[in-house]
Amino acid sequence: MGIDPGIATLGFGILEAEKDTVPKLLEFGVIQTPKNTPMGDRLKTIYDDMHTLLTEWQPQIVGMEKLFFYRMGNLISVAQARGVVLLTLSQHGIQPEEFSPPQIKQALTGYGRADKAEVQEAVARELNLEKIPKPDDAADAIAVAYTCYLFNTLGNFG
């Protein structure tokens, strides 16, 4: 499972991977919280929906994007959302593997400064998808999941 944390929109992607096969995309989507909703309620929505996803899919490995360079106005709320995700993962006995955006870009495109379109095209190509998954937050989470797969398959990206 890959997670792209956010307070307004949190992306998730779930892959199934067996040894020596191309991972299969099982599910992807977003958890959304309305802007004018009190912060506590937004965090509860993330908690409840993450708990539901983890219970339903029971992922063995979870990758999550690290906080990197966010606009200062979003930093605290994104950090709060990440905290809720970490709590929920911990309650399910999962310690996430965290990757920075440049690590994800490097793993998928071979270039740590690739743009979003290049990363999304790589995801679609590597997973044999007919089109790039939407919305972007879900596509980003799938990129995290695929990076996690490569890390665990190749060991530190070979």
C-alpha atoms as a PDB file:
ATOM      1  CA  MET A   1       0.000   0.000   0.000  1.00  0.00           C
ATOM      2  CA  GLY A   2       1.193   3.500  -0.783  1.00  0.00           C
ATOM      3  CA  ILE A   3       0.023   6.662   0.954  1.00  0.00           C
ATOM      4  CA  ASP A   4       0.360  10.272  -0.157  1.00  0.00           C
ATOM      5  CA  PRO A   5      -0.589  12.146   3.024  1.00  0.00           C
ATOM      6  CA  GLY A   6      -2.624  15.333   3.009  1.00  0.00           C
ATOM      7  CA  ILE A   7      -5.369  16.988   5.015  1.00  0.00           C
ATOM      8  CA  ALA A   8      -7.756  17.962   2.196  1.00  0.00           C
ATOM      9  CA  THR A   9      -6.926  14.969   0.026  1.00  0.00           C
ATOM     10  CA  LEU A  10      -5.014  11.873   1.095  1.00  0.00           C
ATOM     11  CA  GLY A  11      -4.160   9.469  -1.719  1.00  0.00           C
ATOM     12  CA  PHE A  12      -3.859   5.698  -1.413  1.00  0.00           C
ATOM     13  CA  GLY A  13      -2.887   2.930  -3.783  1.00  0.00           C
ATOM     14  CA  ILE A  14      -2.856  -0.815  -3.216  1.00  0.00           C
ATOM     15  CA  LEU A  15      -0.680  -3.205  -5.195  1.00  0.00           C
ATOM     16  CA  GLU A  16      -0.448  -6.970  -5.165  1.00  0.00           C
ATOM     17  CA  ALA A  17       3.015  -8.265  -5.875  1.00  0.00           C
ATOM     18  CA  GLU A  18       4.264 -11.796  -6.197  1.00  0.00           C
ATOM     19  CA  LYS A  19       7.867 -12.772  -6.750  1.00  0.00           C
ATOM     20  CA  ASP A  20       9.043 -12.347 -10.358  1.00  0.00           C
ATOM     21  CA  THR A  21       5.774 -10.790 -11.580  1.00  0.00           C
ATOM     22  CA  VAL A  22       4.705  -7.256 -12.422  1.00  0.00           C
ATOM     23  CA  PRO A  23       2.715  -5.827  -9.498  1.00  0.00           C
ATOM     24  CA  LYS A  24      -1.019  -5.585 -10.069  1.00  0.00           C
ATOM     25  CA  LEU A  25      -2.962  -2.470  -9.119  1.00  0.00           C
ATOM     26  CA  LEU A  26      -5.865  -3.637  -6.939  1.00  0.00           C
ATOM     27  CA  GLU A  27      -7.372  -0.375  -5.726  1.00  0.00           C
ATOM     28  CA  PHE A  28      -6.665   3.330  -5.513  1.00  0.00           C
ATOM     29  CA  GLY A  29      -8.454   6.470  -4.474  1.00  0.00           C
ATOM     30  CA  VAL A  30      -8.507   9.369  -2.072  1.00  0.00           C
ATOM     31  CA  ILE A  31      -9.797  10.272   1.343  1.00  0.00           C
ATOM     32  CA  GLN A  32     -11.187  13.806   1.178  1.00  0.00           C
ATOM     33  CA  THR A  33     -12.055  16.178   3.980  1.00  0.00           C
ATOM     34  CA  PRO A  34     -14.041  19.374   3.330  1.00  0.00           C
ATOM     35  CA  LYS A  35     -12.131  22.621   3.862  1.00  0.00           C
ATOM     36  CA  ASN A  36     -14.646  24.266   6.202  1.00  0.00           C
ATOM     37  CA  THR A  37     -14.950  21.215   8.473  1.00  0.00           C
ATOM     38  CA  PRO A  38     -13.352  21.551  11.944  1.00  0.00           C
ATOM     39  CA  MET A  39      -9.816  20.130  12.033  1.00  0.00           C
ATOM     40  CA  GLY A  40     -10.707  17.466  14.602  1.00  0.00           C
ATOM     41  CA  ASP A  41     -13.488  16.171  12.370  1.00  0.00           C
ATOM     42  CA  ARG A  42     -11.173  16.136   9.339  1.00  0.00           C
ATOM     43  CA  LEU A  43      -8.592  14.114  11.257  1.00  0.00           C
ATOM     44  CA  LYS A  44     -11.298  11.719  12.482  1.00  0.00           C
ATOM     45  CA  THR A  45     -12.413  11.139   8.873  1.00  0.00           C
ATOM     46  CA  ILE A  46      -8.834  10.265   7.913  1.00  0.00           C
ATOM     47  CA  TYR A  47      -8.528   7.976  10.933  1.00  0.00           C
ATOM     48  CA  ASP A  48     -11.813   6.178  10.262  1.00  0.00           C
ATOM     49  CA  ASP A  49     -11.201   5.768   6.527  1.00  0.00           C
ATOM     50  CA  MET A  50      -7.601   4.592   7.021  1.00  0.00           C
ATOM     51  CA  HIS A  51      -8.799   2.066   9.599  1.00  0.00           C
ATOM     52  CA  THR A  52     -11.396   0.784   7.114  1.00  0.00           C
ATOM     53  CA  LEU A  53      -8.810   0.504   4.308  1.00  0.00           C
ATOM     54  CA  LEU A  54      -6.311  -1.307   6.516  1.00  0.00           C
ATOM     55  CA  THR A  55      -8.949  -3.705   7.826  1.00  0.00           C
ATOM     56  CA  GLU A  56     -10.272  -4.451   4.340  1.00  0.00           C
ATOM     57  CA  TRP A  57      -6.952  -4.837   2.490  1.00  0.00           C
ATOM     58  CA  GLN A  58      -4.599  -5.927   5.312  1.00  0.00           C
ATOM     59  CA  PRO A  59      -1.423  -4.731   3.581  1.00  0.00           C
ATOM     60  CA  GLN A  60       1.829  -6.411   4.540  1.00  0.00           C
ATOM     61  CA  ILE A  61       3.945  -3.378   3.648  1.00  0.00           C
ATOM     62  CA  VAL A  62       3.016   0.299   3.570  1.00  0.00           C
ATOM     63  CA  GLY A  63       5.046   3.060   1.966  1.00  0.00           C
ATOM     64  CA  MET A  64       4.394   6.704   2.728  1.00  0.00           C
ATOM     65  CA  GLU A  65       5.719   9.915   1.258  1.00  0.00           C
ATOM     66  CA  LYS A  66       7.897  11.860   3.703  1.00  0.00           C
ATOM     67  CA  LEU A  67       7.211  15.479   4.464  1.00  0.00           C
ATOM     68  CA  PHE A  68       9.456  17.409   2.152  1.00  0.00           C
ATOM     69  CA  PHE A  69       9.111  21.023   1.073  1.00  0.00           C
ATOM     70  CA  TYR A  70       5.535  22.084   1.684  1.00  0.00           C
ATOM     71  CA  ARG A  71       4.157  25.588   1.770  1.00  0.00           C
ATOM     72  CA  MET A  72       4.341  26.755   5.349  1.00  0.00           C
ATOM     73  CA  GLY A  73       0.573  27.265   5.472  1.00  0.00           C
ATOM     74  CA  ASN A  74       0.011  23.555   4.772  1.00  0.00           C
ATOM     75  CA  LEU A  75       2.869  22.115   6.790  1.00  0.00           C
ATOM     76  CA  ILE A  76       1.141  21.828  10.151  1.00  0.00           C
ATOM     77  CA  SER A  77      -2.115  20.383   8.790  1.00  0.00           C
ATOM     78  CA  VAL A  78      -0.253  17.864   6.594  1.00  0.00           C
ATOM     79  CA  ALA A  79       1.878  16.901   9.618  1.00  0.00           C
ATOM     80  CA  GLN A  80      -1.295  16.380  11.656  1.00  0.00           C
ATOM     81  CA  ALA A  81      -2.748  14.142   8.926  1.00  0.00           C
ATOM     82  CA  ARG A  82       0.518  12.166   8.817  1.00  0.00           C
ATOM     83  CA  GLY A  83       0.320  11.734  12.580  1.00  0.00           C
ATOM     84  CA  VAL A  84      -3.158  10.250  12.305  1.00  0.00           C
ATOM     85  CA  VAL A  85      -1.980   7.908   9.527  1.00  0.00           C
ATOM     86  CA  LEU A  86       1.026   6.827  11.625  1.00  0.00           C
ATOM     87  CA  LEU A  87      -1.247   6.182  14.624  1.00  0.00           C
ATOM     88  CA  THR A  88      -3.648   4.099  12.542  1.00  0.00           C
ATOM     89  CA  LEU A  89      -0.814   2.111  10.969  1.00  0.00           C
ATOM     90  CA  SER A  90       0.671   1.479  14.416  1.00  0.00           C
ATOM     91  CA  GLN A  91      -2.668   0.203  15.686  1.00  0.00           C
ATOM     92  CA  HIS A  92      -2.570  -2.323  12.833  1.00  0.00           C
ATOM     93  CA  GLY A  93       1.001  -3.349  13.656  1.00  0.00           C
ATOM     94  CA  ILE A  94       2.503  -1.666  10.577  1.00  0.00           C
ATOM     95  CA  GLN A  95       5.633   0.470  10.539  1.00  0.00           C
ATOM     96  CA  PRO A  96       5.630   2.397   7.244  1.00  0.00           C
ATOM     97  CA  GLU A  97       8.613   2.737   4.953  1.00  0.00           C
ATOM     98  CA  GLU A  98       9.038   6.412   4.130  1.00  0.00           C
ATOM     99  CA  PHE A  99      10.357   7.865   0.887  1.00  0.00           C
ATOM    100  CA  SER A 100      11.098  11.455  -0.077  1.00  0.00           C
ATOM    101  CA  PRO A 101       9.701  12.838  -3.339  1.00  0.00           C
ATOM    102  CA  PRO A 102      13.185  12.771  -4.981  1.00  0.00           C
ATOM    103  CA  GLN A 103      13.602   9.098  -3.975  1.00  0.00           C
ATOM    104  CA  ILE A 104      10.242   8.260  -5.562  1.00  0.00           C
ATOM    105  CA  LYS A 105      11.123  10.162  -8.731  1.00  0.00           C
ATOM    106  CA  GLN A 106      14.530   8.459  -8.898  1.00  0.00           C
ATOM    107  CA  ALA A 107      13.025   5.001  -8.425  1.00  0.00           C
ATOM    108  CA  LEU A 108      10.393   5.471 -11.138  1.00  0.00           C
ATOM    109  CA  THR A 109      12.159   7.591 -13.746  1.00  0.00           C
ATOM    110  CA  GLY A 110      15.844   7.315 -12.937  1.00  0.00           C
ATOM    111  CA  TYR A 111      15.919  11.076 -12.329  1.00  0.00           C
ATOM    112  CA  GLY A 112      15.293  12.600  -8.887  1.00  0.00           C
ATOM    113  CA  ARG A 113      14.010  15.873 -10.329  1.00  0.00           C
ATOM    114  CA  ALA A 114      11.477  14.399 -12.749  1.00  0.00           C
ATOM    115  CA  ASP A 115       8.201  16.265 -13.069  1.00  0.00           C
ATOM    116  CA  LYS A 116       4.820  14.916 -11.976  1.00  0.00           C
ATOM    117  CA  ALA A 117       3.817  13.938 -15.534  1.00  0.00           C
ATOM    118  CA  GLU A 118       6.965  11.830 -15.990  1.00  0.00           C
ATOM    119  CA  VAL A 119       6.328  10.014 -12.704  1.00  0.00           C
ATOM    120  CA  GLN A 120       2.694   9.363 -13.586  1.00  0.00           C
ATOM    121  CA  GLU A 121       3.644   8.069 -17.046  1.00  0.00           C
ATOM    122  CA  ALA A 122       6.203   5.748 -15.430  1.00  0.00           C
ATOM    123  CA  VAL A 123       3.560   4.402 -13.041  1.00  0.00           C
ATOM    124  CA  ALA A 124       1.170   3.665 -15.900  1.00  0.00           C
ATOM    125  CA  ARG A 125       3.939   2.056 -17.970  1.00  0.00           C
ATOM    126  CA  GLU A 126       5.434  -0.077 -15.193  1.00  0.00           C
ATOM    127  CA  LEU A 127       2.044  -1.349 -14.002  1.00  0.00           C
ATOM    128  CA  ASN A 128       0.746  -1.910 -17.559  1.00  0.00           C
ATOM    129  CA  LEU A 129      -2.146   0.519 -17.061  1.00  0.00           C
ATOM    130  CA  GLU A 130      -4.106   1.816 -20.030  1.00  0.00           C
ATOM    131  CA  LYS A 131      -4.193   5.345 -18.618  1.00  0.00           C
ATOM    132  CA  ILE A 132      -2.730   7.417 -15.820  1.00  0.00           C
ATOM    133  CA  PRO A 133      -4.800   7.011 -12.619  1.00  0.00           C
ATOM    134  CA  LYS A 134      -6.738  10.060 -11.432  1.00  0.00           C
ATOM    135  CA  PRO A 135      -6.852  12.095  -9.270  1.00  0.00           C
ATOM    136  CA  ASP A 136      -3.197  13.111  -8.913  1.00  0.00           C
ATOM    137  CA  ASP A 137      -3.110  12.312  -5.183  1.00  0.00           C
ATOM    138  CA  ALA A 138      -4.089   8.714  -5.909  1.00  0.00           C
ATOM    139  CA  ALA A 139      -1.517   8.494  -8.722  1.00  0.00           C
ATOM    140  CA  ASP A 140       1.123   9.806  -6.304  1.00  0.00           C
ATOM    141  CA  ALA A 141       0.159   7.154  -3.752  1.00  0.00           C
ATOM    142  CA  ILE A 142       0.479   4.438  -6.406  1.00  0.00           C
ATOM    143  CA  ALA A 143       3.958   5.804  -7.180  1.00  0.00           C
ATOM    144  CA  VAL A 144       4.806   5.462  -3.468  1.00  0.00           C
ATOM    145  CA  ALA A 145       3.480   1.885  -3.453  1.00  0.00           C
ATOM    146  CA  TYR A 146       5.546   0.992  -6.530  1.00  0.00           C
ATOM    147  CA  THR A 147       8.643   2.628  -5.011  1.00  0.00           C
ATOM    148  CA  CYS A 148       8.074   0.532  -1.881  1.00  0.00           C
ATOM    149  CA  TYR A 149       7.788  -2.588  -4.074  1.00  0.00           C
ATOM    150  CA  LEU A 150      11.071  -1.757  -5.849  1.00  0.00           C
ATOM    151  CA  PHE A 151      12.806  -1.043  -2.556  1.00  0.00           C
ATOM    152  CA  ASN A 152      11.716  -4.370  -1.096  1.00  0.00           C
ATOM    153  CA  THR A 153      12.408  -6.311  -4.291  1.00  0.00           C
ATOM    154  CA  LEU A 154      15.718  -4.758  -5.309  1.00  0.00           C
ATOM    155  CA  GLY A 155      16.915  -3.661  -1.880  1.00  0.00           C
ATOM    156  CA  ASN A 156      17.619   0.039  -1.791  1.00  0.00           C
ATOM    157  CA  PHE A 157      16.891   0.301  -5.537  1.00  0.00           C
ATOM    158  CA  GLY A 158      19.692  -2.043  -6.552  1.00  0.00           C
END
